[in-house]
C-alpha cells in the first residue's frame, strides 16, 4: 500500500514506519522532520496550507502538538495541530478516495473513573482540559467522514519505550529515581494505569490495515499498575530505592485504565510485559 504518515518522527511513528517498511509498504512522511530516508513532504501543522499528492491508499495521522501542557498560551497551536490538521487531512482524503484514515487519539478523553474504560462508554467532556478536548474534537470530526472512508480512532494509554521524550510519564519517573528526587504519590499508591510498550502499540496500529470496518479501539497494556508499583519496578531494575512523598490526605480511587479486550480480539495481543519493557528501555535487554 501507499501510505501517508504524519508524526513519523515521534516514538510511535518511528516504530510503526520500521514495521511497515519491513512489510513492503511505500511510506511517505509529512511534517517538519524527515524520517528514515522515506520520501518526505515538509509541513508545519500549525499552518497547514500545502497541496498534497493524490495517490495514497491510507493515512496514519499520528501528529500531535508538543505544547500539551501550555494552555492557554499555546491554545491556537494546540488546536491547529491536534484538530484543524485532522479536518484538512480528512477533507483531502475524501476528495482523493483514500481507503483508510487511522488516527491516534488519547485514552485521556475518557477522564478519570474507578472502573476500566471500554470503547462504548459515554465520554463526558466537562473538565476534560483543552489538549484532550482537541483530541476528542478530532474524533468527532472523523466520525462524520465514516461514510467516505474507514476511520479508526485509537485511544492510546501511556505508550512508552526507548527514546521517548523526557517530559512523558515513564521517562520522568526514571529520571527522578536516578536523581534521588522524591516521587509524589496521592493516597497509598497513586493513580492506576496500564501502560503499553511502543512495539505493541505499533503492531496494533498496523493491524488496522487488515480490517474492513471503522471502529474505536483502546490501545493499552495487560499490566495494571499504580504509580508506586511502576516506580518500584524501575527502582528494582536500577538497584535504586525510590523516594516518595505520600499525600495521605488525598485518597485516590480513580484509574486511567483502558479495557483492551477489543484490541486483543481485532488487532493485537500485547506480548511485552511492563517489567520486560522497562528492562529493554533501561538496559537494552
Protein backbone atom coordinates (compact mmCIF):
# COMPACT_ATOMS: atom_id res chain seq x y z
CA UNK A 1 0.00 0.00 0.00
CA UNK A 2 0.96 3.64 -0.46
CA UNK A 3 0.78 5.21 2.99
CA UNK A 4 0.99 8.81 4.19
CA UNK A 5 2.13 9.22 7.82
CA UNK A 6 2.08 12.32 10.00
CA UNK A 7 4.04 12.40 13.25
CA UNK A 8 6.56 9.92 11.91
CA UNK A 9 9.44 11.29 13.99
CA UNK A 10 7.73 10.52 17.30
CA UNK A 11 8.16 7.40 19.43
CA UNK A 12 5.16 5.57 17.94
CA UNK A 13 5.70 6.86 14.41
CA UNK A 14 9.30 5.71 14.11
CA UNK A 15 8.48 2.20 15.31
CA UNK A 16 5.42 1.95 13.07
CA UNK A 17 7.31 3.09 9.97
CA UNK A 18 10.02 0.48 10.52
CA UNK A 19 7.35 -2.25 10.76
CA UNK A 20 5.52 -1.02 7.67
CA UNK A 21 8.72 -0.84 5.61
CA UNK A 22 9.53 -4.46 6.57
CA UNK A 23 6.16 -5.45 5.13
CA UNK A 24 6.96 -3.75 1.83
CA UNK A 25 4.61 -0.76 2.07
CA UNK A 26 5.53 2.52 0.37
CA UNK A 27 5.81 5.21 3.04
CA UNK A 28 5.73 8.99 2.64
CA UNK A 29 6.03 11.15 5.76
CA UNK A 30 4.61 14.62 6.25
CA UNK A 31 5.73 17.05 8.94
CA UNK A 32 8.73 19.13 9.92
CA UNK A 33 11.24 16.25 10.15
CA UNK A 34 12.33 13.74 7.55
CA UNK A 35 12.26 10.15 8.85
CA UNK A 36 14.32 7.10 7.91
CA UNK A 37 15.06 8.44 4.42
CA UNK A 38 11.43 7.98 3.39
CA UNK A 39 10.02 10.39 0.80
CA UNK A 40 9.04 13.46 2.79
CA UNK A 41 6.66 16.41 2.47
CA UNK A 42 7.61 19.37 4.63
CA UNK A 43 4.68 20.79 6.58
CA UNK A 44 4.17 22.74 9.80
CA UNK A 45 0.77 21.63 11.08
CA UNK A 46 0.36 24.96 12.85
CA UNK A 47 -0.05 26.42 9.34
CA UNK A 48 -1.32 23.53 7.21
CA UNK A 49 -1.82 25.10 3.77
CA UNK A 50 0.02 22.81 1.39
CA UNK A 51 -1.38 20.80 -1.50
CA UNK A 52 -0.84 17.07 -1.07
CA UNK A 53 -0.34 14.43 -3.77
CA UNK A 54 -3.35 12.28 -4.62
CA UNK A 55 -2.06 8.75 -4.98
CA UNK A 56 -2.26 7.28 -1.47
CA UNK A 57 -4.33 4.42 -0.07
CA UNK A 58 -4.06 5.04 3.69
CA UNK A 59 -3.40 7.90 6.12
CA UNK A 60 -1.88 7.35 9.55
CA UNK A 61 -2.42 10.62 11.42
CA UNK A 62 -0.11 10.38 14.45
CA UNK A 63 0.97 14.02 14.75
CA UNK A 64 0.19 15.89 17.95
CA UNK A 65 1.30 19.15 19.47
CA UNK A 66 4.33 19.31 21.75
CA UNK A 67 2.63 22.06 23.78
CA UNK A 68 0.10 19.85 25.55
CA UNK A 69 0.85 21.48 28.91
CA UNK A 70 0.84 25.07 27.63
CA UNK A 71 -2.81 26.16 27.67
CA UNK A 72 -3.85 28.95 27.22
CA UNK A 73 -0.57 30.39 25.94
CA UNK A 74 -0.37 27.87 23.09
CA UNK A 75 -4.09 27.24 22.60
CA UNK A 76 -4.07 28.17 18.91
CA UNK A 77 -1.07 25.94 18.20
CA UNK A 78 -2.68 23.07 20.12
CA UNK A 79 -5.94 23.36 18.17
CA UNK A 80 -4.24 23.81 14.80
CA UNK A 81 -2.01 20.76 15.23
CA UNK A 82 -4.44 18.48 17.05
CA UNK A 83 -7.71 19.38 15.34
CA UNK A 84 -7.52 21.63 12.27
CA UNK A 85 -4.90 19.35 10.72
CA UNK A 86 -7.30 16.41 11.16
CA UNK A 87 -10.10 18.24 9.38
CA UNK A 88 -7.88 19.29 6.49
CA UNK A 89 -6.44 15.77 6.10
CA UNK A 90 -9.92 14.24 6.28
CA UNK A 91 -11.24 16.57 3.57
CA UNK A 92 -8.20 15.82 1.39
CA UNK A 93 -8.79 12.10 1.99
CA UNK A 94 -12.43 12.43 0.94
CA UNK A 95 -11.53 14.29 -2.23
CA UNK A 96 -8.90 11.71 -3.18
CA UNK A 97 -10.68 8.44 -2.41
CA UNK A 98 -8.45 7.38 0.49
CA UNK A 99 -9.48 3.95 1.77
CA UNK A 100 -8.49 4.20 5.45
CA UNK A 101 -7.83 7.00 7.93
CA UNK A 102 -6.13 5.84 11.13
CA UNK A 103 -5.96 8.40 13.92
CA UNK A 104 -4.11 8.20 17.24
CA UNK A 105 -6.24 9.74 19.95
CA UNK A 106 -5.74 9.50 23.72
CA UNK A 107 -7.19 7.34 26.45
CA UNK A 108 -7.31 10.53 28.49
CA UNK A 109 -10.50 11.60 26.70
CA UNK A 110 -12.47 9.24 28.99
CA UNK A 111 -11.48 11.25 32.09
CA UNK A 112 -10.96 9.51 35.46
CA UNK A 113 -13.03 6.70 36.91
CA UNK A 114 -12.61 3.75 39.31
CA UNK A 115 -13.53 1.27 36.56
CA UNK A 116 -11.69 0.38 33.38
CA UNK A 117 -12.88 2.19 30.27
CA UNK A 118 -14.45 0.41 27.30
CA UNK A 119 -14.90 1.90 23.86
CA UNK A 120 -18.68 2.19 24.15
CA UNK A 121 -18.50 4.34 27.30
CA UNK A 122 -20.14 7.74 27.04
CA UNK A 123 -17.46 10.43 27.01
CA UNK A 124 -18.24 13.46 29.17
CA UNK A 125 -16.26 16.50 28.10
CA UNK A 126 -16.72 18.58 31.27
CA UNK A 127 -13.32 19.48 32.79
CA UNK A 128 -11.54 17.44 30.14
CA UNK A 129 -8.95 20.13 29.52
CA UNK A 130 -8.06 21.88 26.29
CA UNK A 131 -5.49 19.39 24.96
CA UNK A 132 -7.70 16.34 25.47
CA UNK A 133 -10.69 18.32 24.24
CA UNK A 134 -8.83 18.97 20.98
CA UNK A 135 -8.17 15.24 20.59
CA UNK A 136 -11.84 14.47 21.19
CA UNK A 137 -12.80 17.13 18.62
CA UNK A 138 -10.76 15.24 16.03
CA UNK A 139 -12.63 12.03 16.82
CA UNK A 140 -15.94 13.86 16.37
CA UNK A 141 -14.79 15.34 13.06
CA UNK A 142 -13.66 11.96 11.75
CA UNK A 143 -16.93 10.33 12.78
CA UNK A 144 -18.65 12.48 10.15
CA UNK A 145 -16.34 11.12 7.43
CA UNK A 146 -17.05 7.43 8.02
CA UNK A 147 -19.34 7.44 5.01
CA UNK A 148 -16.39 8.26 2.74
CA UNK A 149 -13.59 6.04 4.11
CA UNK A 150 -12.85 3.71 7.00
CA UNK A 151 -11.94 5.56 10.20
CA UNK A 152 -10.07 4.06 13.14
CA UNK A 153 -9.67 6.15 16.30
CA UNK A 154 -7.03 4.57 18.50
CA UNK A 155 -7.05 5.72 22.13
CA UNK A 156 -3.53 5.23 23.46
CA UNK A 157 -2.96 4.60 27.18
CA UNK A 158 0.55 5.60 28.28
CA UNK A 159 2.71 4.29 25.46
CA UNK A 160 6.39 4.09 26.45
CA UNK A 161 9.73 2.95 25.06
CA UNK A 162 13.30 3.89 24.28
CA UNK A 163 13.98 7.46 23.17
CA UNK A 164 10.64 8.68 24.47
CA UNK A 165 10.51 12.41 25.17
CA UNK A 166 11.81 13.27 28.63
CA UNK A 167 8.63 15.10 29.67
CA UNK A 168 6.45 11.97 29.43
CA UNK A 169 5.41 9.95 32.49
CA UNK A 170 7.75 6.95 32.42
CA UNK A 171 10.91 8.93 31.50
CA UNK A 172 10.06 11.43 34.26
CA UNK A 173 9.80 8.64 36.82
CA UNK A 174 13.08 7.13 35.63
CA UNK A 175 14.85 10.48 35.83
CA UNK A 176 13.55 11.24 39.32
CA UNK A 177 14.58 7.82 40.62
CA UNK A 178 18.07 8.12 39.15
CA UNK A 179 18.49 11.63 40.62
CA UNK A 180 17.07 10.72 44.01
CA UNK A 181 14.14 13.11 43.66
CA UNK A 182 11.02 12.12 45.60
CA UNK A 183 8.01 10.94 43.60
CA UNK A 184 4.67 12.40 44.65
CA UNK A 185 2.09 9.72 45.45
CA UNK A 186 -1.54 10.55 46.23
CA UNK A 187 -3.07 8.11 48.67
CA UNK A 188 -1.25 4.82 49.25
CA UNK A 189 -0.09 4.00 45.73
CA UNK A 190 -1.19 6.77 43.36
CA UNK A 191 -3.12 6.64 40.10
CA UNK A 192 -3.53 3.22 38.47
CA UNK A 193 -2.74 2.82 34.75
CA UNK A 194 -1.99 0.08 32.20
CA UNK A 195 0.95 1.30 30.07
CA UNK A 196 1.83 -0.36 26.77
CA UNK A 197 5.21 -0.76 25.11
CA UNK A 198 5.67 1.05 21.80
CA UNK A 199 6.39 -2.22 19.99
CA UNK A 200 2.92 -3.49 20.89
CA UNK A 201 1.40 -0.12 20.01
CA UNK A 202 2.88 -0.18 16.52
CA UNK A 203 1.71 -3.76 15.90
CA UNK A 204 -1.82 -2.87 16.97
CA UNK A 205 -1.87 0.23 14.77
CA UNK A 206 -0.51 -1.67 11.77
CA UNK A 207 -3.22 -4.30 12.17
CA UNK A 208 -5.85 -1.72 11.24
CA UNK A 209 -4.74 -2.32 7.65
CA UNK A 210 -6.35 -5.76 7.70
CA UNK A 211 -9.73 -4.54 8.98
CA UNK A 212 -12.63 -3.53 6.75
CA UNK A 213 -14.97 -1.65 9.07
CA UNK A 214 -14.48 1.59 11.03
CA UNK A 215 -14.00 1.39 14.79
CA UNK A 216 -12.68 2.89 18.02
CA UNK A 217 -10.02 1.00 19.96
CA UNK A 218 -8.29 1.30 23.30
CA UNK A 219 -4.58 0.65 22.84
CA UNK A 220 -3.46 -0.45 26.28
CA UNK A 221 -1.28 -2.98 28.06
CA UNK A 222 -2.18 -6.03 30.14
CA UNK A 223 -0.35 -4.99 33.33
CA UNK A 224 -2.49 -2.78 35.59
CA UNK A 225 -0.13 -0.90 37.90
CA UNK A 226 -0.09 2.01 40.31
CA UNK A 227 2.49 4.79 40.07
CA UNK A 228 4.06 3.32 43.21
CA UNK A 229 4.32 -0.17 41.64
CA UNK A 230 5.77 1.28 38.44
CA UNK A 231 8.35 3.23 40.44
CA UNK A 232 9.29 0.15 42.47
CA UNK A 233 9.79 -1.86 39.26
CA UNK A 234 12.06 0.84 37.82
CA UNK A 235 13.96 1.13 41.09
CA UNK A 236 14.49 -2.63 41.30
CA UNK A 237 15.97 -2.78 37.80
CA UNK A 238 18.23 0.20 38.54
CA UNK A 239 19.12 -1.10 42.03
CA UNK A 240 17.96 2.23 43.46
CA UNK A 241 15.36 2.59 46.21
CA UNK A 242 12.89 5.26 45.04
CA UNK A 243 12.00 8.12 47.37
CA UNK A 244 8.39 9.15 47.82
CA UNK A 245 6.21 11.98 49.10
CA UNK A 246 2.91 10.41 50.13
CA UNK A 247 -0.14 12.65 50.26
CA UNK A 248 -2.29 10.50 52.51
CA UNK A 249 -4.98 13.18 52.73
CA UNK A 250 -5.76 12.77 49.05
CA UNK A 251 -7.22 9.31 48.62
CA UNK A 252 -7.01 8.04 45.05
CA UNK A 253 -9.56 5.53 43.80
CA UNK A 254 -9.51 6.63 40.16
CA UNK A 255 -7.99 4.65 37.35
CA UNK A 256 -6.75 5.64 33.93
CA UNK A 257 -7.09 2.10 32.65
CA UNK A 258 -8.29 1.07 29.22
CA UNK A 259 -10.01 -2.26 28.70
CA UNK A 260 -8.02 -3.85 25.85
CA UNK A 261 -10.25 -6.83 25.02
CA UNK A 262 -11.41 -5.34 21.72
CA UNK A 263 -7.81 -4.56 20.74
CA UNK A 264 -6.77 -8.14 21.52
CA UNK A 265 -9.70 -9.56 19.55
CA UNK A 266 -9.28 -7.45 16.39
CA UNK A 267 -5.75 -6.05 16.36
CA UNK A 268 -3.00 -7.42 18.58
CA UNK A 269 -2.40 -9.00 21.97
CA UNK A 270 0.41 -7.26 23.88
CA UNK A 271 3.41 -9.56 24.21
CA UNK A 272 5.80 -7.33 26.17
CA UNK A 273 5.18 -7.18 29.91
CA UNK A 274 5.84 -3.92 31.72
CA UNK A 275 8.81 -5.45 33.53
CA UNK A 276 10.38 -6.62 30.26
CA UNK A 277 9.56 -3.34 28.54
CA UNK A 278 11.27 -1.32 31.27
CA UNK A 279 14.31 -3.62 31.17
CA UNK A 280 14.54 -3.00 27.45
CA UNK A 281 14.17 0.73 27.99
CA UNK A 282 16.82 0.90 30.74
CA UNK A 283 19.25 -1.88 29.89
CA UNK A 284 18.63 -2.67 26.24
CA UNK A 285 17.54 -6.21 27.09
